[in-house]
Amino acid sequence: MNAIRYEPVIGLEIHCQLQTRTKIFCGCSTAFGAPPNSHVCPVCLGLPGALPVLNRQAVDFAIRAALALGCEVQSESIFARKNYFYPDLPKGYQISQYERPLALGGSLTIAAGGGKRVGLTRIHMEEDAGKSLHEGFPDSDRRTYLDYNRSGVPLIEIVSEPDMRSAAEASEFFAKLRDILVWIGVNDGNMEEGSLRCDANVSVRPVGQTAFGVKTEVKNLNSFRYVHKAIEYEVDRQVDLLDGGGRVVQETRLFDSTGGATHSMRSKEEAHDYRYFPEPDLPPLVVDAARIERARAAMPELPEARRARFIAAYGLPEYDAGVLTQSAALAQYYEQVAREAGNPKAASNWVMGELLRTLKERGAEIADVPLAAGALAGLIRLVDSNVLSSSTAKDVFARMYDSGRSADDIVSAEGLAQMDDESALHAIVRDVMTANPDAIAQVRAGKNNAFGFLVGQVMKQSGGKANPKIANQLLKRELDGTP
């Protein structure tokens, strides 16, 4: 792309499935992975005479998301019928919100662009459509199969302002929004299952021009990487088209992740094409101030606030605070370890180091950790009180993780307590020095690495139990010839 001549203009529409057990207008389950068309009823199939009843928890989750993003929740919003024909839309219309959505305004600040504030236009509630299955059947070349389990699943659509100017900004915005939605418990963040997906509105304009160019919409992007790649491709495609004397056509496009390109799907619909009108079977949604305040009071501490508190209250570096607030569960686990251990930085090192490494190796999540926070705190206290050396503590951690036993039990049963007895350590130090005259000569010649080798030999001969501080002191005294 000619970065000097053209400027991208990007806005995102995020479709977020709310984590309710039942659908937005009926009692059917929202569980993913059930046999096709097993979670359906007359309401979500749009059968004659069936009437929708609004899911209260879906509204509460939508309010919580709006508050977390700084939106203004409207005291009254209106559901509307969005009319269009598609095989996976059984009623021939989707119940959504249009002229009067649930919430307006709000923003999200991203690091890209020097701490850019990306405005939000609106958050509205709607139901999801079903799913068309185009492959996986013997006659997929001739037929499309339909699964209506997803039809009627509750969604909120979060619409950003066209404030982003690069694929990197858009990808970060999507990622940060996902983190917040998962953190506050309204979405599971599982993009592979379609519970969070994104449409990107992309246009380009000459640098310095204030009017927007013609936009295209890239539909159903379900990963941060795909958002980045699809927008980059689409920006380059539009620039090449304009430089070649062509014009950009307003249309909906799909991203082919295999080929890394977008392809035309259909001409872009306008609002009037959907023939919106108020849903006659649902009254206005009234949200009073008391309900908003209850939602606000139940709101968990948000990621940015918790990061700032970890830095201020526990003296953590910004990097540590960022890692430890990747999820609410991880932040909560760390904080309990820090409080019980009485050493916030050591707790940070253990959680970020051994714990997260073990989780990654085993493909597990923080919710799967069999090691209680209090048990890890107990291990840290043993290290801080010089009962265990750091190297032995790592072995004890692995045994704790696999067995569920406490550090005290393992140390006591296996005799792993750190050696602080100077006379016993003195004997080991002398044995090591007798066996390694070359290393001693190198130390005396100023080669510091050789001293580390000698310390390592002491640790090895002691079975990793020697107090490293005392071992260092004894070695230095022997080398210096001091008593």
Protein backbone atom coordinates (compact mmCIF):
# COMPACT_ATOMS: atom_id res chain seq x y z
CA MET A 1 0.00 0.00 0.00
CA ASN A 2 1.15 3.52 -0.71
CA ALA A 3 1.17 4.66 2.93
CA ILE A 4 1.90 8.27 1.95
CA ARG A 5 -0.97 8.79 -0.45
CA TYR A 6 -3.77 6.82 1.21
CA GLU A 7 -5.15 6.42 4.70
CA PRO A 8 -7.24 3.40 5.77
CA VAL A 9 -10.45 4.02 7.70
CA ILE A 10 -11.65 1.02 9.72
CA GLY A 11 -14.61 0.30 11.94
CA LEU A 12 -15.57 -3.03 13.52
CA GLU A 13 -18.85 -4.70 14.36
CA ILE A 14 -18.37 -7.35 17.05
CA HIS A 15 -21.02 -10.04 17.47
CA CYS A 16 -20.85 -11.38 21.02
CA GLN A 17 -22.83 -14.41 22.16
CA LEU A 18 -24.08 -13.89 25.71
CA GLN A 19 -23.36 -16.71 28.18
CA THR A 20 -26.92 -17.51 29.12
CA ARG A 21 -28.06 -21.10 29.48
CA THR A 22 -31.12 -20.51 27.31
CA LYS A 23 -31.91 -18.57 24.16
CA ILE A 24 -32.99 -14.96 24.05
CA PHE A 25 -36.72 -15.49 23.39
CA CYS A 26 -37.36 -19.11 24.43
CA GLY A 27 -36.20 -21.79 26.87
CA CYS A 28 -34.08 -23.83 24.46
CA SER A 29 -30.50 -24.59 25.49
CA THR A 30 -27.58 -22.59 24.06
CA ALA A 31 -25.07 -25.42 24.66
CA PHE A 32 -22.62 -25.84 21.80
CA GLY A 33 -22.04 -29.15 20.05
CA ALA A 34 -25.44 -30.80 20.44
CA PRO A 35 -26.78 -32.94 17.57
CA PRO A 36 -28.22 -30.76 14.77
CA ASN A 37 -31.71 -29.39 15.38
CA SER A 38 -31.98 -30.86 18.88
CA HIS A 39 -32.20 -27.50 20.69
CA VAL A 40 -35.18 -26.04 18.89
CA CYS A 41 -38.81 -25.22 19.59
CA PRO A 42 -41.72 -23.44 17.86
CA VAL A 43 -40.38 -20.03 18.99
CA CYS A 44 -36.82 -20.29 17.64
CA LEU A 45 -38.09 -22.09 14.52
CA GLY A 46 -40.55 -19.26 13.84
CA LEU A 47 -43.62 -21.47 13.70
CA PRO A 48 -47.03 -19.77 13.45
CA GLY A 49 -48.56 -18.66 16.74
CA ALA A 50 -45.30 -18.87 18.75
CA LEU A 51 -44.52 -15.73 20.77
CA PRO A 52 -41.13 -14.52 22.04
CA VAL A 53 -40.45 -13.89 25.74
CA LEU A 54 -37.31 -11.87 26.52
CA ASN A 55 -34.56 -13.57 28.55
CA ARG A 56 -33.93 -11.41 31.63
CA GLN A 57 -30.35 -12.59 32.14
CA ALA A 58 -29.49 -11.73 28.54
CA VAL A 59 -30.55 -8.15 29.26
CA ASP A 60 -28.49 -8.07 32.47
CA PHE A 61 -25.41 -9.33 30.61
CA ALA A 62 -25.91 -6.74 27.87
CA ILE A 63 -26.16 -3.98 30.49
CA ARG A 64 -22.99 -5.23 32.16
CA ALA A 65 -21.09 -5.13 28.86
CA ALA A 66 -22.37 -1.63 28.15
CA LEU A 67 -21.23 -0.36 31.55
CA ALA A 68 -17.81 -2.00 31.21
CA LEU A 69 -17.30 -0.14 27.92
CA GLY A 70 -18.47 3.22 29.22
CA CYS A 71 -21.72 3.28 27.26
CA GLU A 72 -24.88 5.09 28.26
CA VAL A 73 -27.64 2.54 28.85
CA GLN A 74 -30.92 3.84 27.47
CA SER A 75 -33.95 3.87 29.73
CA GLU A 76 -36.07 2.53 26.88
CA SER A 77 -35.05 0.57 23.79
CA ILE A 78 -37.12 -1.03 21.06
CA PHE A 79 -36.82 -4.42 19.38
CA ALA A 80 -37.32 -4.40 15.63
CA ARG A 81 -37.81 -6.90 12.84
CA LYS A 82 -34.92 -6.96 10.38
CA ASN A 83 -36.41 -8.55 7.27
CA TYR A 84 -34.31 -10.59 4.88
CA PHE A 85 -34.44 -14.04 3.37
CA TYR A 86 -31.74 -16.58 4.02
CA PRO A 87 -32.18 -20.35 4.52
CA ASP A 88 -30.77 -20.29 8.07
CA LEU A 89 -33.25 -17.58 9.15
CA PRO A 90 -36.43 -19.59 9.72
CA LYS A 91 -38.80 -16.68 10.41
CA GLY A 92 -37.69 -14.66 7.37
CA TYR A 93 -36.69 -11.88 9.78
CA GLN A 94 -34.30 -11.40 12.67
CA ILE A 95 -35.38 -9.76 15.92
CA SER A 96 -32.82 -7.05 16.55
CA GLN A 97 -32.69 -3.39 17.61
CA TYR A 98 -32.29 -0.54 15.16
CA GLU A 99 -33.42 3.03 15.76
CA ARG A 100 -33.43 2.73 19.57
CA PRO A 101 -30.68 0.40 20.77
CA LEU A 102 -29.91 -0.63 24.32
CA ALA A 103 -26.80 1.56 24.74
CA LEU A 104 -25.01 4.45 23.04
CA GLY A 105 -21.49 5.86 23.12
CA GLY A 106 -18.60 4.44 25.08
CA SER A 107 -14.99 3.85 24.07
CA LEU A 108 -11.97 1.61 24.37
CA THR A 109 -8.35 2.79 24.53
CA ILE A 110 -5.71 0.73 22.72
CA ALA A 111 -1.93 0.94 22.92
CA ALA A 112 -1.46 1.07 19.14
CA GLY A 113 -1.42 4.56 17.71
CA GLY A 114 0.11 5.95 20.89
CA GLY A 115 -2.81 5.16 23.19
CA LYS A 116 -5.68 5.78 20.81
CA ARG A 117 -9.25 6.13 22.05
CA VAL A 118 -11.63 4.21 19.77
CA GLY A 119 -15.21 5.40 20.13
CA LEU A 120 -18.23 3.13 20.20
CA THR A 121 -21.41 3.99 18.34
CA ARG A 122 -23.86 1.62 19.99
CA ILE A 123 -24.56 -1.73 21.55
CA HIS A 124 -27.76 -3.46 20.57
CA MET A 125 -29.32 -6.83 21.37
CA GLU A 126 -30.43 -9.36 18.81
CA GLU A 127 -30.93 -13.06 18.15
CA ASP A 128 -28.52 -15.20 16.15
CA ALA A 129 -29.46 -17.03 12.96
CA GLY A 130 -29.03 -20.75 12.35
CA LYS A 131 -26.10 -22.30 10.54
CA SER A 132 -25.81 -23.45 6.94
CA LEU A 133 -23.64 -26.55 6.51
CA HIS A 134 -21.98 -26.68 3.10
CA GLU A 135 -19.67 -29.66 3.60
CA GLY A 136 -19.30 -32.94 5.46
CA PHE A 137 -22.15 -34.79 3.74
CA PRO A 138 -22.05 -37.25 0.81
CA ASP A 139 -24.12 -34.89 -1.35
CA SER A 140 -22.58 -31.59 -0.18
CA ASP A 141 -21.84 -30.71 -3.80
CA ARG A 142 -25.60 -30.55 -4.45
CA ARG A 143 -27.24 -29.70 -1.14
CA THR A 144 -26.88 -27.40 1.85
CA TYR A 145 -27.93 -28.69 5.25
CA LEU A 146 -29.33 -26.49 8.01
CA ASP A 147 -28.81 -26.64 11.76
CA TYR A 148 -31.12 -24.34 13.74
CA ASN A 149 -29.58 -25.00 17.17
CA ARG A 150 -27.94 -21.57 17.04
CA SER A 151 -31.12 -19.83 15.94
CA GLY A 152 -32.28 -17.56 18.75
CA VAL A 153 -29.01 -17.59 20.71
CA PRO A 154 -28.69 -14.16 22.43
CA LEU A 155 -26.18 -11.70 20.97
CA ILE A 156 -25.05 -8.18 21.47
CA GLU A 157 -23.55 -6.31 18.56
CA ILE A 158 -20.89 -3.78 19.52
CA VAL A 159 -20.37 -1.21 16.77
CA SER A 160 -17.25 0.94 16.80
CA GLU A 161 -16.75 4.34 15.26
CA PRO A 162 -14.49 4.36 12.16
CA ASP A 163 -11.57 5.51 14.31
CA MET A 164 -8.94 2.89 13.46
CA ARG A 165 -6.28 3.53 10.83
CA SER A 166 -4.43 0.22 10.54
CA ALA A 167 -4.95 -3.52 10.68
CA ALA A 168 -2.81 -3.60 13.84
CA GLU A 169 -5.12 -1.14 15.61
CA ALA A 170 -8.20 -3.13 14.59
CA SER A 171 -6.69 -6.43 15.70
CA GLU A 172 -5.72 -4.97 19.09
CA PHE A 173 -9.16 -3.42 19.54
CA PHE A 174 -10.82 -6.79 18.89
CA ALA A 175 -8.42 -8.58 21.26
CA LYS A 176 -8.86 -6.05 24.06
CA LEU A 177 -12.64 -6.09 23.67
CA ARG A 178 -12.63 -9.88 23.90
CA ASP A 179 -10.55 -9.75 27.09
CA ILE A 180 -13.07 -7.41 28.72
CA LEU A 181 -16.12 -9.42 27.65
CA VAL A 182 -14.59 -12.65 28.99
CA TRP A 183 -13.36 -10.92 32.16
CA ILE A 184 -16.83 -9.68 33.10
CA GLY A 185 -18.37 -13.09 32.40
CA VAL A 186 -20.73 -12.24 29.54
CA ASN A 187 -18.89 -14.21 26.82
CA ASP A 188 -16.65 -17.30 26.77
CA GLY A 189 -14.31 -15.85 24.13
CA ASN A 190 -14.39 -19.05 22.07
CA MET A 191 -14.04 -17.76 18.53
CA GLU A 192 -13.64 -21.22 17.01
CA GLU A 193 -17.18 -22.06 18.14
CA GLY A 194 -18.48 -18.75 16.81
CA SER A 195 -19.37 -17.18 20.15
CA LEU A 196 -17.35 -14.10 19.21
CA ARG A 197 -16.95 -12.92 15.63
CA CYS A 198 -16.19 -9.71 13.85
CA ASP A 199 -17.19 -7.83 10.70
CA ALA A 200 -14.72 -5.21 9.48
CA ASN A 201 -15.81 -2.12 7.55
CA VAL A 202 -12.84 -0.95 5.48
CA SER A 203 -12.29 2.02 3.20
CA VAL A 204 -9.35 4.15 2.07
CA ARG A 205 -9.07 7.84 1.29
CA PRO A 206 -6.31 10.19 0.15
CA VAL A 207 -4.26 11.50 3.06
CA GLY A 208 -5.68 14.84 4.19
CA GLN A 209 -9.17 14.14 2.86
CA THR A 210 -11.91 14.26 5.50
CA ALA A 211 -14.68 12.58 3.51
CA PHE A 212 -14.83 8.81 3.78
CA GLY A 213 -14.17 6.55 0.83
CA VAL A 214 -16.50 3.77 -0.30
CA LYS A 215 -16.41 0.98 2.26
CA THR A 216 -16.57 -2.76 1.97
CA GLU A 217 -17.63 -5.09 4.77
CA VAL A 218 -15.55 -8.22 5.44
CA LYS A 219 -17.82 -10.69 7.25
CA ASN A 220 -17.39 -13.30 9.97
CA LEU A 221 -13.76 -12.98 11.01
CA ASN A 222 -13.16 -15.27 13.98
CA SER A 223 -9.54 -14.67 14.98
CA PHE A 224 -7.31 -11.69 15.66
CA ARG A 225 -4.88 -12.91 13.00
CA TYR A 226 -7.63 -13.14 10.39
CA VAL A 227 -8.83 -9.64 11.26
CA HIS A 228 -5.30 -8.34 10.70
CA LYS A 229 -4.69 -10.26 7.48
CA ALA A 230 -8.14 -9.57 5.98
CA ILE A 231 -7.93 -5.82 6.61
CA GLU A 232 -4.38 -5.60 5.26
CA TYR A 233 -5.42 -7.41 2.10
CA GLU A 234 -8.56 -5.33 1.67
CA VAL A 235 -6.70 -2.03 2.12
CA ASP A 236 -4.09 -3.06 -0.46
CA ARG A 237 -6.81 -4.24 -2.85
CA GLN A 238 -8.68 -0.94 -2.65
CA VAL A 239 -5.51 1.13 -3.10
CA ASP A 240 -4.47 -0.92 -6.13
CA LEU A 241 -7.95 -0.54 -7.56
CA LEU A 242 -7.93 3.25 -7.16
CA ASP A 243 -4.37 3.59 -8.48
CA GLY A 244 -5.42 1.59 -11.53
CA GLY A 245 -8.23 4.00 -12.32
CA GLY A 246 -11.01 1.77 -10.97
CA ARG A 247 -13.51 2.43 -8.22
CA VAL A 248 -14.37 0.62 -5.03
CA VAL A 249 -17.84 -0.92 -4.96
CA GLN A 250 -19.79 -1.07 -1.70
CA GLU A 251 -20.22 -4.77 -1.06
CA THR A 252 -19.95 -7.57 1.47
CA ARG A 253 -16.85 -9.74 1.15
CA LEU A 254 -15.60 -12.95 2.75
CA PHE A 255 -12.02 -13.68 3.79
CA ASP A 256 -10.43 -16.88 2.50
CA SER A 257 -7.89 -17.74 5.19
CA THR A 258 -6.21 -20.35 2.98
CA GLY A 259 -5.50 -17.97 0.13
CA GLY A 260 -5.21 -14.87 2.35
CA ALA A 261 -7.62 -12.89 0.15
CA THR A 262 -11.13 -11.43 0.33
CA HIS A 263 -13.78 -12.34 -2.23
CA SER A 264 -17.08 -10.71 -3.11
CA MET A 265 -20.11 -12.28 -1.44
CA ARG A 266 -22.95 -9.90 -2.33
CA SER A 267 -23.73 -6.24 -2.83
CA LYS A 268 -23.91 -4.42 0.50
CA GLU A 269 -27.42 -3.97 1.84
CA GLU A 270 -28.62 -0.60 3.12
CA ALA A 271 -30.88 -0.16 6.14
CA HIS A 272 -33.92 0.36 3.96
CA ASP A 273 -33.33 -3.03 2.31
CA TYR A 274 -34.14 -4.69 5.62
CA ARG A 275 -37.48 -2.86 5.99
CA TYR A 276 -37.08 -2.42 9.75
CA PHE A 277 -40.21 -1.95 11.80
CA PRO A 278 -40.91 -2.34 15.55
CA GLU A 279 -41.38 -5.95 16.69
CA PRO A 280 -45.13 -6.16 17.41
CA ASP A 281 -44.81 -9.14 19.77
CA LEU A 282 -42.39 -7.47 22.21
CA PRO A 283 -43.03 -4.38 24.35
CA PRO A 284 -40.34 -1.71 24.73
CA LEU A 285 -37.42 -2.80 26.89
CA VAL A 286 -37.44 -0.54 29.95
CA VAL A 287 -34.26 -0.39 32.06
CA ASP A 288 -34.67 1.74 35.17
CA ALA A 289 -31.88 3.41 37.14
CA ALA A 290 -32.08 0.86 39.94
CA ARG A 291 -31.38 -2.01 37.56
CA ILE A 292 -28.40 -0.18 36.08
CA GLU A 293 -27.00 0.48 39.56
CA ARG A 294 -27.43 -3.17 40.54
CA ALA A 295 -25.47 -4.14 37.44
CA ARG A 296 -22.80 -1.57 38.24
CA ALA A 297 -22.48 -2.81 41.83
CA ALA A 298 -22.06 -6.40 40.64
CA MET A 299 -19.38 -5.44 38.10
CA PRO A 300 -16.00 -7.05 38.80
CA GLU A 301 -12.89 -4.89 38.95
CA LEU A 302 -11.93 -4.34 35.30
CA PRO A 303 -8.54 -5.40 33.88
CA GLU A 304 -6.98 -1.93 33.64
CA ALA A 305 -8.03 -1.06 37.18
CA ARG A 306 -6.66 -4.32 38.53
CA ARG A 307 -3.36 -3.87 36.68
CA ALA A 308 -2.98 -0.41 38.19
CA ARG A 309 -3.78 -1.76 41.67
CA PHE A 310 -1.27 -4.61 41.36
CA ILE A 311 1.43 -2.08 40.49
CA ALA A 312 0.47 0.31 43.30
CA ALA A 313 -0.41 -2.17 46.06
CA TYR A 314 2.10 -4.93 45.39
CA GLY A 315 4.95 -2.99 43.79
CA LEU A 316 4.86 -5.18 40.68
CA PRO A 317 6.54 -4.13 37.44
CA GLU A 318 4.12 -3.16 34.68
CA TYR A 319 5.05 -6.30 32.73
CA ASP A 320 4.16 -8.61 35.64
CA ALA A 321 0.85 -6.83 36.19
CA GLY A 322 0.00 -7.21 32.52
CA VAL A 323 0.69 -10.96 32.46
CA LEU A 324 -1.15 -11.61 35.72
CA THR A 325 -4.31 -9.86 34.51
CA GLN A 326 -4.67 -11.82 31.29
CA SER A 327 -7.79 -13.33 32.82
CA ALA A 328 -9.86 -12.70 35.91
CA ALA A 329 -9.21 -16.24 37.17
CA LEU A 330 -5.43 -15.84 36.87
CA ALA A 331 -5.50 -12.45 38.60
CA GLN A 332 -7.59 -13.86 41.43
CA TYR A 333 -5.27 -16.87 41.84
CA TYR A 334 -2.18 -14.65 41.94
CA GLU A 335 -3.69 -12.27 44.45
CA GLN A 336 -4.57 -15.08 46.85
CA VAL A 337 -1.04 -16.50 46.56
CA ALA A 338 0.49 -13.06 47.18
CA ARG A 339 -1.64 -12.39 50.24
CA GLU A 340 -1.02 -15.78 51.86
CA ALA A 341 2.69 -15.90 51.00
CA GLY A 342 3.32 -12.34 52.18
CA ASN A 343 5.72 -11.84 49.28
CA PRO A 344 3.96 -10.37 46.20
CA LYS A 345 7.01 -10.38 43.93
CA ALA A 346 7.92 -13.98 44.73
CA ALA A 347 4.26 -14.93 44.14
CA SER A 348 4.42 -13.18 40.77
CA ASN A 349 7.60 -15.04 39.83
CA TRP A 350 6.15 -18.44 40.73
CA VAL A 351 2.78 -17.88 39.04
CA MET A 352 4.34 -16.40 35.88
CA GLY A 353 7.14 -18.97 35.87
CA GLU A 354 6.49 -22.51 37.07
CA LEU A 355 2.70 -22.34 37.11
CA LEU A 356 2.11 -20.84 33.66
CA ARG A 357 4.88 -22.96 32.16
CA THR A 358 3.26 -26.12 33.52
CA LEU A 359 -0.16 -25.06 32.24
CA LYS A 360 1.27 -24.40 28.78
CA GLU A 361 3.07 -27.75 28.67
CA ARG A 362 -0.12 -29.58 29.58
CA GLY A 363 -2.49 -27.54 27.45
CA ALA A 364 -4.48 -26.58 30.55
CA GLU A 365 -6.18 -23.41 31.73
CA ILE A 366 -5.95 -21.67 35.08
CA ALA A 367 -9.36 -23.10 36.00
CA ASP A 368 -7.85 -26.59 35.69
CA VAL A 369 -5.03 -26.01 38.20
CA PRO A 370 -5.12 -28.75 40.87
CA LEU A 371 -2.77 -26.76 43.11
CA ALA A 372 -4.61 -24.46 45.52
CA ALA A 373 -3.32 -20.92 45.83
CA GLY A 374 -2.72 -21.49 49.53
CA ALA A 375 -0.54 -24.52 48.78
CA LEU A 376 1.68 -22.51 46.43
CA ALA A 377 1.89 -19.77 49.06
CA GLY A 378 3.10 -22.40 51.53
CA LEU A 379 5.89 -23.40 49.17
CA ILE A 380 6.96 -19.77 48.77
CA ARG A 381 7.10 -19.35 52.56
CA LEU A 382 9.44 -22.34 52.82
CA VAL A 383 11.79 -20.76 50.29
CA ASP A 384 11.64 -17.36 52.00
CA SER A 385 12.46 -18.94 55.37
CA ASN A 386 15.45 -20.81 53.85
CA VAL A 387 13.91 -24.22 54.50
CA LEU A 388 14.10 -24.94 50.75
CA SER A 389 16.53 -23.84 48.09
CA SER A 390 15.07 -22.41 44.90
CA SER A 391 16.17 -25.39 42.81
CA THR A 392 14.70 -27.93 45.24
CA ALA A 393 11.51 -25.87 45.48
CA LYS A 394 10.94 -26.32 41.74
CA ASP A 395 11.09 -30.09 42.17
CA VAL A 396 8.72 -29.85 45.12
CA PHE A 397 6.34 -27.72 43.03
CA ALA A 398 6.18 -30.42 40.33
CA ARG A 399 5.37 -33.07 42.94
CA MET A 400 2.74 -30.86 44.56
CA TYR A 401 1.09 -30.20 41.20
CA ASP A 402 0.87 -33.90 40.35
CA SER A 403 0.02 -35.30 43.78
CA GLY A 404 -1.96 -32.57 45.55
CA ARG A 405 0.29 -32.98 48.61
CA SER A 406 1.47 -29.92 50.53
CA ALA A 407 5.04 -28.67 50.39
CA ASP A 408 5.49 -29.37 54.11
CA ASP A 409 4.43 -33.01 53.64
CA ILE A 410 6.79 -33.58 50.71
CA VAL A 411 9.75 -31.87 52.37
CA SER A 412 9.24 -33.77 55.61
CA ALA A 413 8.66 -37.19 54.00
CA GLU A 414 11.56 -36.96 51.57
CA GLY A 415 14.06 -35.09 53.69
CA LEU A 416 14.39 -32.18 51.29
CA ALA A 417 14.94 -29.40 53.80
CA GLN A 418 17.78 -27.08 52.92
CA MET A 419 21.17 -27.71 54.55
CA ASP A 420 22.17 -24.80 56.76
CA ASP A 421 24.67 -26.70 58.91
CA GLU A 422 28.00 -25.00 58.20
CA SER A 423 30.10 -27.91 59.39
CA ALA A 424 28.34 -30.36 57.04
CA LEU A 425 28.55 -27.92 54.15
CA HIS A 426 32.20 -27.18 54.96
CA ALA A 427 33.04 -30.84 54.44
CA ILE A 428 31.29 -30.83 51.04
CA VAL A 429 33.06 -27.62 49.99
CA ARG A 430 36.46 -29.11 50.82
CA ASP A 431 35.66 -32.30 48.90
CA VAL A 432 34.62 -30.24 45.86
CA MET A 433 37.80 -28.14 46.00
CA THR A 434 40.00 -31.24 46.34
CA ALA A 435 38.32 -32.79 43.29
CA ASN A 436 38.54 -29.65 41.10
CA PRO A 437 42.03 -28.09 41.28
CA ASP A 438 41.77 -26.74 37.72
CA ALA A 439 38.62 -24.77 38.54
CA ILE A 440 40.30 -23.34 41.63
CA ALA A 441 43.24 -22.20 39.51
CA GLN A 442 40.87 -20.51 37.06
CA VAL A 443 39.06 -18.68 39.87
CA ARG A 444 42.34 -17.40 41.22
CA ALA A 445 43.21 -16.27 37.67
CA GLY A 446 40.09 -14.10 37.67
CA LYS A 447 37.71 -16.35 35.74
CA ASN A 448 34.41 -15.88 37.56
CA ASN A 449 32.57 -18.60 35.62
CA ALA A 450 34.74 -21.17 37.36
CA PHE A 451 33.41 -20.02 40.74
CA GLY A 452 29.86 -20.68 39.54
CA PHE A 453 30.99 -24.16 38.48
CA LEU A 454 32.27 -24.85 42.00
CA VAL A 455 28.98 -23.65 43.55
CA GLY A 456 27.14 -25.96 41.19
CA GLN A 457 29.29 -28.90 42.29
CA VAL A 458 28.50 -28.17 45.93
CA MET A 459 24.79 -28.09 45.12
CA LYS A 460 25.09 -31.33 43.17
CA GLN A 461 26.97 -33.15 45.92
CA SER A 462 24.41 -31.97 48.49
CA GLY A 463 21.53 -33.22 46.38
CA GLY A 464 20.42 -29.65 45.74
CA LYS A 465 19.84 -29.07 49.44
CA ALA A 466 22.79 -26.81 50.25
CA ASN A 467 21.93 -23.24 51.23
CA PRO A 468 23.41 -21.37 48.24
CA LYS A 469 24.24 -18.30 50.33
CA ILE A 470 26.21 -20.29 52.89
CA ALA A 471 27.84 -22.39 50.16
CA ASN A 472 29.04 -19.22 48.43
CA GLN A 473 30.44 -17.80 51.67
CA LEU A 474 32.29 -21.01 52.54
CA LEU A 475 33.80 -21.32 49.06
CA LYS A 476 35.04 -17.73 49.15
CA ARG A 477 36.58 -18.24 52.58
CA GLU A 478 38.37 -21.39 51.47
CA LEU A 479 39.66 -19.71 48.30
CA ASP A 480 40.80 -16.67 50.24
CA GLY A 481 42.40 -18.84 52.90
CA THR A 482 40.44 -17.16 55.67
CA PRO A 483 39.04 -19.13 58.64
